[in-house]
Amino acid sequence: MENITTERLLLRPWQDSDIDFVYDLYSRWVVQRFIGNEPRVMESRTEAAERVARFKAVDHPVHGIWAVTRREDGAPVGTLLLKPIPSSGEEPLQPSDDVEIGWHLHPDYWGSGFASEAAEAVLAHAFAHGLNRVVAVTNPANEASQSVCRRLGMKEKGLSKKYYNATCSLFVAKNPSVAA
């Protein structure tokens, strides 16, 4: 997984030194409330260590789960993912042919434009590596993430039950170098 830089951010692989940040981020209800069919907060540092290990295990030339950090001081601000999205169906869910982009930012950095900046860079990375389209799904009540999708130029496709065995707001970005 390669580093991705923007004007203000460095997206890099996760490190064991990020475990406390991951615990702080995912133990907050305000962050978790829209994630999954049955949202729950992270309850222990051990869970955070397991999550960091899963993030680090993603080894793919295009897909990744990056730590989003500020370039100026290296402070972590959140997570940016680009990975196969699971299709709805029988458990355990199986990856579809579609690739999703998603972000989870620490509340201290909401409203800073970091989610849009990081996601724009990852979309550019995805398209430069040959992906034809990328999807984003949000809880229908997650207006902030839907606003990020719109800022990225993603097309709103309405409600969908295609992924995660959930009703989600679906957004699609198409590779601008591929003919419509």
N, C-alpha and C. Protein backbone atom coordinates (compact mmCIF):
# COMPACT_ATOMS: atom_id res chain seq x y z
N MET A 1 0.86 -1.17 0.00
CA MET A 1 0.00 0.00 0.00
C MET A 1 0.90 1.23 0.00
N GLU A 2 0.66 2.09 -0.94
CA GLU A 2 1.52 3.27 -1.05
C GLU A 2 0.97 4.45 -0.25
N ASN A 3 1.87 5.32 0.17
CA ASN A 3 1.47 6.57 0.80
C ASN A 3 0.80 7.45 -0.24
N ILE A 4 -0.15 8.25 0.23
CA ILE A 4 -0.81 9.23 -0.63
C ILE A 4 -0.71 10.57 0.09
N THR A 5 -0.25 11.59 -0.62
CA THR A 5 -0.14 12.91 0.01
C THR A 5 -1.07 13.90 -0.67
N THR A 6 -1.53 14.85 0.12
CA THR A 6 -2.32 15.97 -0.37
C THR A 6 -1.64 17.23 0.17
N GLU A 7 -2.26 18.36 -0.07
CA GLU A 7 -1.68 19.61 0.42
C GLU A 7 -1.48 19.59 1.94
N ARG A 8 -2.47 19.06 2.67
CA ARG A 8 -2.41 19.10 4.13
C ARG A 8 -2.26 17.74 4.80
N LEU A 9 -2.38 16.65 4.03
CA LEU A 9 -2.49 15.33 4.64
C LEU A 9 -1.49 14.33 4.08
N LEU A 10 -1.16 13.35 4.90
CA LEU A 10 -0.43 12.16 4.48
C LEU A 10 -1.30 10.97 4.85
N LEU A 11 -1.63 10.16 3.86
CA LEU A 11 -2.34 8.91 4.09
C LEU A 11 -1.29 7.82 4.03
N ARG A 12 -1.17 7.08 5.12
CA ARG A 12 -0.08 6.10 5.25
C ARG A 12 -0.63 4.82 5.86
N PRO A 13 0.18 3.75 5.78
CA PRO A 13 -0.24 2.52 6.46
C PRO A 13 -0.33 2.74 7.97
N TRP A 14 -1.19 1.94 8.60
CA TRP A 14 -1.33 2.00 10.05
C TRP A 14 -0.10 1.41 10.72
N GLN A 15 0.17 1.88 11.93
CA GLN A 15 1.30 1.42 12.72
C GLN A 15 0.80 1.06 14.12
N ASP A 16 1.55 0.22 14.81
CA ASP A 16 1.17 -0.13 16.17
C ASP A 16 1.07 1.10 17.06
N SER A 17 1.83 2.13 16.76
CA SER A 17 1.78 3.36 17.55
C SER A 17 0.45 4.11 17.39
N ASP A 18 -0.41 3.66 16.47
CA ASP A 18 -1.71 4.29 16.24
C ASP A 18 -2.83 3.66 17.08
N ILE A 19 -2.53 2.64 17.85
CA ILE A 19 -3.58 1.91 18.56
C ILE A 19 -4.38 2.82 19.49
N ASP A 20 -3.72 3.69 20.23
CA ASP A 20 -4.46 4.58 21.14
C ASP A 20 -5.39 5.51 20.37
N PHE A 21 -4.94 6.01 19.22
CA PHE A 21 -5.81 6.86 18.40
C PHE A 21 -7.02 6.06 17.90
N VAL A 22 -6.80 4.85 17.43
CA VAL A 22 -7.90 4.02 16.93
C VAL A 22 -8.91 3.77 18.04
N TYR A 23 -8.42 3.49 19.23
CA TYR A 23 -9.34 3.29 20.36
C TYR A 23 -10.12 4.57 20.65
N ASP A 24 -9.44 5.70 20.67
CA ASP A 24 -10.12 6.97 20.91
C ASP A 24 -11.18 7.24 19.84
N LEU A 25 -10.85 6.99 18.59
CA LEU A 25 -11.77 7.26 17.48
C LEU A 25 -13.01 6.36 17.55
N TYR A 26 -12.78 5.06 17.61
CA TYR A 26 -13.88 4.11 17.48
C TYR A 26 -14.59 3.80 18.80
N SER A 27 -14.16 4.39 19.90
CA SER A 27 -14.89 4.23 21.16
C SER A 27 -15.91 5.36 21.35
N ARG A 28 -16.04 6.22 20.37
CA ARG A 28 -16.97 7.36 20.45
C ARG A 28 -18.28 7.03 19.72
N TRP A 29 -19.38 7.14 20.43
CA TRP A 29 -20.69 6.88 19.83
C TRP A 29 -20.94 7.82 18.64
N VAL A 30 -20.52 9.05 18.75
CA VAL A 30 -20.76 10.02 17.68
C VAL A 30 -20.08 9.58 16.37
N VAL A 31 -19.00 8.81 16.46
CA VAL A 31 -18.32 8.27 15.28
C VAL A 31 -19.01 6.97 14.84
N GLN A 32 -19.34 6.11 15.77
CA GLN A 32 -19.84 4.77 15.46
C GLN A 32 -21.33 4.72 15.10
N ARG A 33 -22.09 5.73 15.45
CA ARG A 33 -23.56 5.65 15.34
C ARG A 33 -24.08 5.32 13.96
N PHE A 34 -23.33 5.60 12.91
CA PHE A 34 -23.79 5.32 11.55
C PHE A 34 -23.06 4.14 10.91
N ILE A 35 -22.21 3.44 11.65
CA ILE A 35 -21.40 2.38 11.08
C ILE A 35 -22.01 1.02 11.42
N GLY A 36 -22.41 0.28 10.39
CA GLY A 36 -22.94 -1.07 10.58
C GLY A 36 -24.42 -1.10 10.87
N ASN A 37 -24.97 -2.31 10.77
CA ASN A 37 -26.40 -2.50 11.05
C ASN A 37 -26.73 -2.38 12.52
N GLU A 38 -25.78 -2.74 13.37
CA GLU A 38 -25.96 -2.62 14.82
C GLU A 38 -24.76 -1.88 15.38
N PRO A 39 -24.77 -0.55 15.27
CA PRO A 39 -23.60 0.22 15.71
C PRO A 39 -23.26 -0.05 17.17
N ARG A 40 -21.97 -0.10 17.43
CA ARG A 40 -21.48 -0.26 18.80
C ARG A 40 -20.12 0.40 18.91
N VAL A 41 -19.82 0.89 20.09
CA VAL A 41 -18.52 1.52 20.30
C VAL A 41 -17.48 0.46 20.64
N MET A 42 -16.26 0.76 20.31
CA MET A 42 -15.14 -0.10 20.67
C MET A 42 -15.00 -0.03 22.20
N GLU A 43 -14.79 -1.19 22.82
CA GLU A 43 -14.82 -1.24 24.27
C GLU A 43 -13.46 -1.43 24.93
N SER A 44 -12.42 -1.72 24.14
CA SER A 44 -11.13 -1.96 24.78
C SER A 44 -9.97 -1.62 23.85
N ARG A 45 -8.84 -1.38 24.45
CA ARG A 45 -7.61 -1.16 23.68
C ARG A 45 -7.24 -2.43 22.91
N THR A 46 -7.58 -3.60 23.46
CA THR A 46 -7.33 -4.86 22.76
C THR A 46 -8.07 -4.88 21.43
N GLU A 47 -9.33 -4.43 21.43
CA GLU A 47 -10.09 -4.33 20.17
C GLU A 47 -9.38 -3.40 19.19
N ALA A 48 -8.86 -2.31 19.71
CA ALA A 48 -8.14 -1.36 18.86
C ALA A 48 -6.92 -2.01 18.24
N ALA A 49 -6.18 -2.78 19.03
CA ALA A 49 -5.00 -3.47 18.51
C ALA A 49 -5.40 -4.47 17.42
N GLU A 50 -6.50 -5.17 17.63
CA GLU A 50 -6.99 -6.12 16.61
C GLU A 50 -7.40 -5.38 15.33
N ARG A 51 -8.03 -4.24 15.49
CA ARG A 51 -8.45 -3.45 14.31
C ARG A 51 -7.24 -2.96 13.55
N VAL A 52 -6.24 -2.44 14.25
CA VAL A 52 -5.01 -1.98 13.59
C VAL A 52 -4.36 -3.15 12.86
N ALA A 53 -4.34 -4.31 13.47
CA ALA A 53 -3.75 -5.48 12.81
C ALA A 53 -4.52 -5.81 11.52
N ARG A 54 -5.85 -5.72 11.54
CA ARG A 54 -6.65 -5.96 10.32
C ARG A 54 -6.36 -4.89 9.27
N PHE A 55 -6.26 -3.64 9.70
CA PHE A 55 -5.94 -2.56 8.76
C PHE A 55 -4.58 -2.82 8.11
N LYS A 56 -3.60 -3.21 8.93
CA LYS A 56 -2.25 -3.44 8.42
C LYS A 56 -2.19 -4.64 7.48
N ALA A 57 -3.11 -5.58 7.64
CA ALA A 57 -3.09 -6.81 6.84
C ALA A 57 -3.56 -6.59 5.40
N VAL A 58 -4.18 -5.45 5.12
CA VAL A 58 -4.63 -5.19 3.75
C VAL A 58 -3.38 -4.94 2.91
N ASP A 59 -3.11 -5.86 2.02
CA ASP A 59 -1.90 -5.79 1.19
C ASP A 59 -2.33 -5.93 -0.26
N HIS A 60 -2.53 -4.80 -0.90
CA HIS A 60 -3.06 -4.77 -2.25
C HIS A 60 -2.48 -3.55 -2.96
N PRO A 61 -2.23 -3.65 -4.26
CA PRO A 61 -1.62 -2.50 -4.96
C PRO A 61 -2.56 -1.29 -5.10
N VAL A 62 -3.87 -1.50 -5.00
CA VAL A 62 -4.82 -0.39 -5.16
C VAL A 62 -5.62 -0.16 -3.89
N HIS A 63 -6.20 -1.22 -3.35
CA HIS A 63 -7.04 -1.11 -2.15
C HIS A 63 -6.17 -0.81 -0.94
N GLY A 64 -6.81 -0.22 0.06
CA GLY A 64 -6.09 0.04 1.29
C GLY A 64 -7.01 0.58 2.35
N ILE A 65 -6.51 0.57 3.57
CA ILE A 65 -7.13 1.25 4.70
C ILE A 65 -6.02 2.09 5.30
N TRP A 66 -6.09 3.38 5.04
CA TRP A 66 -5.01 4.31 5.39
C TRP A 66 -5.30 5.03 6.70
N ALA A 67 -4.24 5.33 7.42
CA ALA A 67 -4.29 6.30 8.51
C ALA A 67 -4.18 7.67 7.86
N VAL A 68 -5.14 8.53 8.14
CA VAL A 68 -5.10 9.90 7.62
C VAL A 68 -4.42 10.76 8.69
N THR A 69 -3.31 11.39 8.31
CA THR A 69 -2.55 12.19 9.27
C THR A 69 -2.29 13.58 8.69
N ARG A 70 -2.07 14.52 9.60
CA ARG A 70 -1.71 15.88 9.15
C ARG A 70 -0.25 15.89 8.76
N ARG A 71 0.05 16.48 7.61
CA ARG A 71 1.45 16.56 7.16
C ARG A 71 2.29 17.42 8.09
N GLU A 72 1.70 18.47 8.64
CA GLU A 72 2.47 19.43 9.43
C GLU A 72 3.07 18.81 10.69
N ASP A 73 2.35 17.86 11.32
CA ASP A 73 2.86 17.31 12.58
C ASP A 73 2.66 15.80 12.73
N GLY A 74 2.09 15.16 11.71
CA GLY A 74 1.90 13.70 11.77
C GLY A 74 0.74 13.25 12.63
N ALA A 75 -0.02 14.18 13.17
CA ALA A 75 -1.13 13.81 14.04
C ALA A 75 -2.19 13.04 13.25
N PRO A 76 -2.64 11.89 13.76
CA PRO A 76 -3.69 11.15 13.07
C PRO A 76 -5.03 11.87 13.21
N VAL A 77 -5.80 11.87 12.12
CA VAL A 77 -7.11 12.51 12.14
C VAL A 77 -8.23 11.55 11.79
N GLY A 78 -7.91 10.39 11.20
CA GLY A 78 -8.97 9.45 10.86
C GLY A 78 -8.51 8.31 9.98
N THR A 79 -9.49 7.67 9.38
CA THR A 79 -9.32 6.48 8.55
C THR A 79 -9.92 6.74 7.17
N LEU A 80 -9.25 6.27 6.13
CA LEU A 80 -9.78 6.32 4.77
C LEU A 80 -9.63 4.93 4.19
N LEU A 81 -10.71 4.38 3.66
CA LEU A 81 -10.65 3.03 3.11
C LEU A 81 -11.07 3.00 1.65
N LEU A 82 -10.47 2.05 0.94
CA LEU A 82 -10.82 1.74 -0.45
C LEU A 82 -10.69 0.23 -0.53
N LYS A 83 -11.84 -0.46 -0.60
CA LYS A 83 -11.81 -1.93 -0.52
C LYS A 83 -13.05 -2.51 -1.20
N PRO A 84 -13.00 -3.80 -1.53
CA PRO A 84 -14.21 -4.44 -2.06
C PRO A 84 -15.34 -4.33 -1.04
N ILE A 85 -16.53 -4.00 -1.52
CA ILE A 85 -17.69 -3.85 -0.64
C ILE A 85 -18.47 -5.16 -0.61
N PRO A 86 -18.90 -5.61 0.56
CA PRO A 86 -19.65 -6.86 0.64
C PRO A 86 -21.05 -6.73 0.07
N SER A 87 -21.45 -7.72 -0.73
CA SER A 87 -22.82 -7.79 -1.26
C SER A 87 -23.76 -8.25 -0.16
N SER A 88 -25.00 -7.80 -0.23
CA SER A 88 -26.02 -8.34 0.67
C SER A 88 -26.23 -9.81 0.34
N GLY A 89 -26.62 -10.58 1.34
CA GLY A 89 -26.85 -12.01 1.15
C GLY A 89 -26.63 -12.74 2.45
N GLU A 90 -26.37 -14.02 2.34
CA GLU A 90 -26.18 -14.84 3.53
C GLU A 90 -24.87 -14.49 4.22
N GLU A 91 -24.90 -14.59 5.54
CA GLU A 91 -23.69 -14.36 6.35
C GLU A 91 -22.76 -15.57 6.22
N PRO A 92 -21.46 -15.47 6.21
CA PRO A 92 -20.76 -14.19 6.19
C PRO A 92 -20.85 -13.54 4.81
N LEU A 93 -20.94 -12.23 4.81
CA LEU A 93 -21.07 -11.50 3.55
C LEU A 93 -19.82 -11.69 2.70
N GLN A 94 -20.02 -11.77 1.39
CA GLN A 94 -18.92 -11.97 0.46
C GLN A 94 -18.65 -10.68 -0.30
N PRO A 95 -17.39 -10.39 -0.63
CA PRO A 95 -17.08 -9.18 -1.39
C PRO A 95 -17.76 -9.21 -2.76
N SER A 96 -18.24 -8.07 -3.18
CA SER A 96 -18.81 -7.93 -4.51
C SER A 96 -17.69 -7.53 -5.47
N ASP A 97 -18.04 -7.28 -6.72
CA ASP A 97 -17.07 -6.78 -7.69
C ASP A 97 -16.88 -5.28 -7.55
N ASP A 98 -17.70 -4.63 -6.73
CA ASP A 98 -17.61 -3.19 -6.55
C ASP A 98 -16.59 -2.85 -5.46
N VAL A 99 -16.01 -1.67 -5.58
CA VAL A 99 -15.05 -1.17 -4.60
C VAL A 99 -15.66 0.07 -3.94
N GLU A 100 -15.56 0.10 -2.62
CA GLU A 100 -16.12 1.24 -1.88
C GLU A 100 -15.03 2.13 -1.32
N ILE A 101 -15.40 3.38 -1.18
CA ILE A 101 -14.57 4.35 -0.48
C ILE A 101 -15.36 4.77 0.76
N GLY A 102 -14.63 4.97 1.86
CA GLY A 102 -15.28 5.41 3.08
C GLY A 102 -14.29 6.12 3.98
N TRP A 103 -14.80 6.83 4.95
CA TRP A 103 -13.96 7.63 5.84
C TRP A 103 -14.59 7.68 7.22
N HIS A 104 -13.74 7.70 8.21
CA HIS A 104 -14.13 7.88 9.61
C HIS A 104 -13.13 8.87 10.19
N LEU A 105 -13.59 10.07 10.49
CA LEU A 105 -12.69 11.09 11.04
C LEU A 105 -13.01 11.36 12.50
N HIS A 106 -11.97 11.70 13.24
CA HIS A 106 -12.14 12.07 14.64
C HIS A 106 -12.97 13.35 14.70
N PRO A 107 -13.91 13.45 15.64
CA PRO A 107 -14.76 14.65 15.71
C PRO A 107 -13.99 15.96 15.84
N ASP A 108 -12.78 15.91 16.41
CA ASP A 108 -11.98 17.14 16.51
C ASP A 108 -11.65 17.72 15.14
N TYR A 109 -11.78 16.90 14.09
CA TYR A 109 -11.39 17.35 12.75
C TYR A 109 -12.59 17.46 11.80
N TRP A 110 -13.79 17.26 12.30
CA TRP A 110 -14.97 17.43 11.46
C TRP A 110 -15.06 18.89 11.03
N GLY A 111 -15.50 19.11 9.82
CA GLY A 111 -15.66 20.47 9.30
C GLY A 111 -14.38 21.09 8.79
N SER A 112 -13.28 20.34 8.78
CA SER A 112 -11.98 20.87 8.36
C SER A 112 -11.73 20.67 6.86
N GLY A 113 -12.59 19.87 6.22
CA GLY A 113 -12.36 19.53 4.82
C GLY A 113 -11.42 18.34 4.65
N PHE A 114 -10.94 17.76 5.74
CA PHE A 114 -10.00 16.64 5.64
C PHE A 114 -10.63 15.42 4.98
N ALA A 115 -11.89 15.11 5.27
CA ALA A 115 -12.53 13.93 4.66
C ALA A 115 -12.58 14.09 3.15
N SER A 116 -13.00 15.26 2.68
CA SER A 116 -13.08 15.49 1.23
C SER A 116 -11.70 15.46 0.59
N GLU A 117 -10.73 16.08 1.24
CA GLU A 117 -9.36 16.14 0.70
C GLU A 117 -8.76 14.74 0.60
N ALA A 118 -8.91 13.94 1.65
CA ALA A 118 -8.35 12.59 1.65
C ALA A 118 -9.08 11.70 0.64
N ALA A 119 -10.41 11.79 0.61
CA ALA A 119 -11.19 10.95 -0.30
C ALA A 119 -10.94 11.32 -1.76
N GLU A 120 -10.78 12.59 -2.04
CA GLU A 120 -10.48 13.01 -3.41
C GLU A 120 -9.15 12.41 -3.87
N ALA A 121 -8.17 12.40 -2.99
CA ALA A 121 -6.86 11.83 -3.34
C ALA A 121 -6.96 10.32 -3.55
N VAL A 122 -7.75 9.65 -2.73
CA VAL A 122 -7.89 8.20 -2.87
C VAL A 122 -8.69 7.86 -4.13
N LEU A 123 -9.69 8.66 -4.46
CA LEU A 123 -10.41 8.43 -5.73
C LEU A 123 -9.44 8.59 -6.90
N ALA A 124 -8.61 9.62 -6.88
CA ALA A 124 -7.62 9.81 -7.94
C ALA A 124 -6.68 8.60 -8.01
N HIS A 125 -6.26 8.10 -6.86
CA HIS A 125 -5.41 6.91 -6.78
C HIS A 125 -6.13 5.71 -7.42
N ALA A 126 -7.39 5.52 -7.06
CA ALA A 126 -8.17 4.39 -7.59
C ALA A 126 -8.28 4.46 -9.11
N PHE A 127 -8.60 5.63 -9.62
CA PHE A 127 -8.79 5.78 -11.06
C PHE A 127 -7.46 5.69 -11.81
N ALA A 128 -6.39 6.22 -11.21
CA ALA A 128 -5.07 6.11 -11.84
C ALA A 128 -4.61 4.66 -11.93
N HIS A 129 -5.12 3.81 -11.03
CA HIS A 129 -4.78 2.39 -11.04
C HIS A 129 -5.81 1.55 -11.78
N GLY A 130 -6.67 2.20 -12.57
CA GLY A 130 -7.53 1.46 -13.48
C GLY A 130 -8.93 1.11 -13.03
N LEU A 131 -9.33 1.52 -11.83
CA LEU A 131 -10.71 1.24 -11.45
C LEU A 131 -11.64 2.10 -12.30
N ASN A 132 -12.74 1.51 -12.75
CA ASN A 132 -13.69 2.24 -13.58
C ASN A 132 -14.71 3.01 -12.76
N ARG A 133 -15.01 2.50 -11.55
CA ARG A 133 -15.97 3.18 -10.69
C ARG A 133 -15.71 2.81 -9.25
N VAL A 134 -16.15 3.67 -8.37
CA VAL A 134 -16.04 3.47 -6.93
C VAL A 134 -17.39 3.88 -6.33
N VAL A 135 -17.85 3.09 -5.35
CA VAL A 135 -19.11 3.41 -4.70
C VAL A 135 -18.84 3.88 -3.27
N ALA A 136 -19.80 4.61 -2.74
CA ALA A 136 -19.82 4.95 -1.32
C ALA A 136 -21.23 4.68 -0.83
N VAL A 137 -21.33 4.13 0.37
CA VAL A 137 -22.64 3.92 0.99
C VAL A 137 -22.62 4.60 2.35
N THR A 138 -23.75 5.22 2.67
CA THR A 138 -23.88 5.86 3.97
C THR A 138 -25.21 5.45 4.58
N ASN A 139 -25.25 5.51 5.89
CA ASN A 139 -26.53 5.40 6.56
C ASN A 139 -27.39 6.55 6.02
N PRO A 140 -28.68 6.31 5.72
CA PRO A 140 -29.51 7.39 5.16
C PRO A 140 -29.57 8.63 6.04
N ALA A 141 -29.30 8.50 7.34
CA ALA A 141 -29.33 9.66 8.24
C ALA A 141 -27.99 10.39 8.32
N ASN A 142 -26.95 9.86 7.68
CA ASN A 142 -25.61 10.45 7.79
C ASN A 142 -25.42 11.54 6.74
N GLU A 143 -25.99 12.69 7.04
CA GLU A 143 -25.96 13.80 6.08
C GLU A 143 -24.55 14.34 5.86
N ALA A 144 -23.70 14.29 6.87
CA ALA A 144 -22.34 14.81 6.72
C ALA A 144 -21.56 14.00 5.68
N SER A 145 -21.62 12.68 5.75
CA SER A 145 -20.91 11.86 4.77
C SER A 145 -21.53 12.00 3.38
N GLN A 146 -22.84 12.16 3.31
CA GLN A 146 -23.48 12.38 2.02
C GLN A 146 -23.01 13.70 1.40
N SER A 147 -22.80 14.70 2.24
CA SER A 147 -22.27 15.98 1.73
C SER A 147 -20.86 15.81 1.18
N VAL A 148 -20.05 14.97 1.84
CA VAL A 148 -18.70 14.70 1.33
C VAL A 148 -18.82 14.03 -0.04
N CYS A 149 -19.69 13.04 -0.16
CA CYS A 149 -19.89 12.37 -1.46
C CYS A 149 -20.23 13.38 -2.55
N ARG A 150 -21.12 14.30 -2.26
CA ARG A 150 -21.52 15.31 -3.26
C ARG A 150 -20.35 16.23 -3.60
N ARG A 151 -19.57 16.63 -2.58
CA ARG A 151 -18.40 17.48 -2.84
C ARG A 151 -17.40 16.77 -3.74
N LEU A 152 -17.34 15.44 -3.63
CA LEU A 152 -16.43 14.66 -4.46
C LEU A 152 -16.95 14.49 -5.89
N GLY A 153 -18.19 14.94 -6.12
CA GLY A 153 -18.79 14.78 -7.45
C GLY A 153 -19.41 13.41 -7.66
N MET A 154 -19.60 12.66 -6.59
CA MET A 154 -20.23 11.35 -6.71
C MET A 154 -21.72 11.55 -7.00
N LYS A 155 -22.26 10.68 -7.83
CA LYS A 155 -23.68 10.76 -8.22
C LYS A 155 -24.53 9.98 -7.23
N GLU A 156 -25.56 10.64 -6.74
CA GLU A 156 -26.47 10.01 -5.79
C GLU A 156 -27.41 9.08 -6.54
N LYS A 157 -27.49 7.83 -6.08
CA LYS A 157 -28.31 6.82 -6.76
C LYS A 157 -29.52 6.41 -5.92
N GLY A 158 -29.77 7.10 -4.81
CA GLY A 158 -30.93 6.78 -3.97
C GLY A 158 -30.61 5.68 -2.98
N LEU A 159 -31.68 5.11 -2.42
CA LEU A 159 -31.50 4.06 -1.42
C LEU A 159 -31.26 2.72 -2.13
N SER A 160 -30.41 1.91 -1.52
CA SER A 160 -30.06 0.61 -2.08
C SER A 160 -29.93 -0.41 -0.96
N LYS A 161 -30.31 -1.65 -1.26
CA LYS A 161 -30.13 -2.76 -0.32
C LYS A 161 -29.08 -3.73 -0.86
N LYS A 162 -28.26 -3.28 -1.80
CA LYS A 162 -27.31 -4.15 -2.50
C LYS A 162 -26.13 -4.58 -1.63
N TYR A 163 -25.80 -3.80 -0.60
CA TYR A 163 -24.59 -4.04 0.17
C TYR A 163 -24.88 -4.14 1.67
N TYR A 164 -24.06 -4.92 2.37
CA TYR A 164 -24.05 -4.99 3.84
C TYR A 164 -25.37 -5.44 4.47
N ASN A 165 -26.29 -5.99 3.71
CA ASN A 165 -27.61 -6.36 4.25
C ASN A 165 -28.25 -5.16 4.96
N ALA A 166 -28.12 -4.01 4.35
CA ALA A 166 -28.63 -2.78 4.95
C ALA A 166 -29.21 -1.87 3.86
N THR A 167 -30.11 -1.02 4.26
CA THR A 167 -30.59 0.02 3.36
C THR A 167 -29.65 1.21 3.51
N CYS A 168 -28.97 1.54 2.42
CA CYS A 168 -27.97 2.61 2.43
C CYS A 168 -28.26 3.62 1.34
N SER A 169 -27.80 4.83 1.56
CA SER A 169 -27.77 5.82 0.48
C SER A 169 -26.54 5.48 -0.36
N LEU A 170 -26.74 5.32 -1.66
CA LEU A 170 -25.68 4.88 -2.57
C LEU A 170 -25.20 6.05 -3.42
N PHE A 171 -23.89 6.18 -3.53
CA PHE A 171 -23.25 7.18 -4.37
C PHE A 171 -22.24 6.48 -5.25
N VAL A 172 -22.06 6.97 -6.49
CA VAL A 172 -21.14 6.35 -7.43
C VAL A 172 -20.26 7.41 -8.07
N ALA A 173 -18.97 7.13 -8.14
CA ALA A 173 -18.01 7.96 -8.88
C ALA A 173 -17.48 7.12 -10.03
N LYS A 174 -17.48 7.69 -11.22
CA LYS A 174 -16.96 6.99 -12.39
C LYS A 174 -15.63 7.59 -12.79
N ASN A 175 -14.75 6.73 -13.27
CA ASN A 175 -13.43 7.16 -13.71
C ASN A 175 -13.61 8.14 -14.87
N PRO A 176 -13.15 9.39 -14.72
CA PRO A 176 -13.37 10.38 -15.79
C PRO A 176 -12.64 10.03 -17.10
N SER A 177 -11.64 9.16 -17.05
CA SER A 177 -10.93 8.80 -18.28
C SER A 177 -11.61 7.68 -19.06
N VAL A 178 -12.68 7.11 -18.48
CA VAL A 178 -13.43 6.06 -19.16
C VAL A 178 -14.66 6.69 -19.79
N ALA A 179 -14.87 6.38 -21.05
CA ALA A 179 -16.03 6.97 -21.77
C ALA A 179 -17.33 6.59 -21.08
N ALA A 180 -18.26 7.51 -21.05
CA ALA A 180 -19.56 7.26 -20.46
C ALA A 180 -20.27 6.27 -21.30
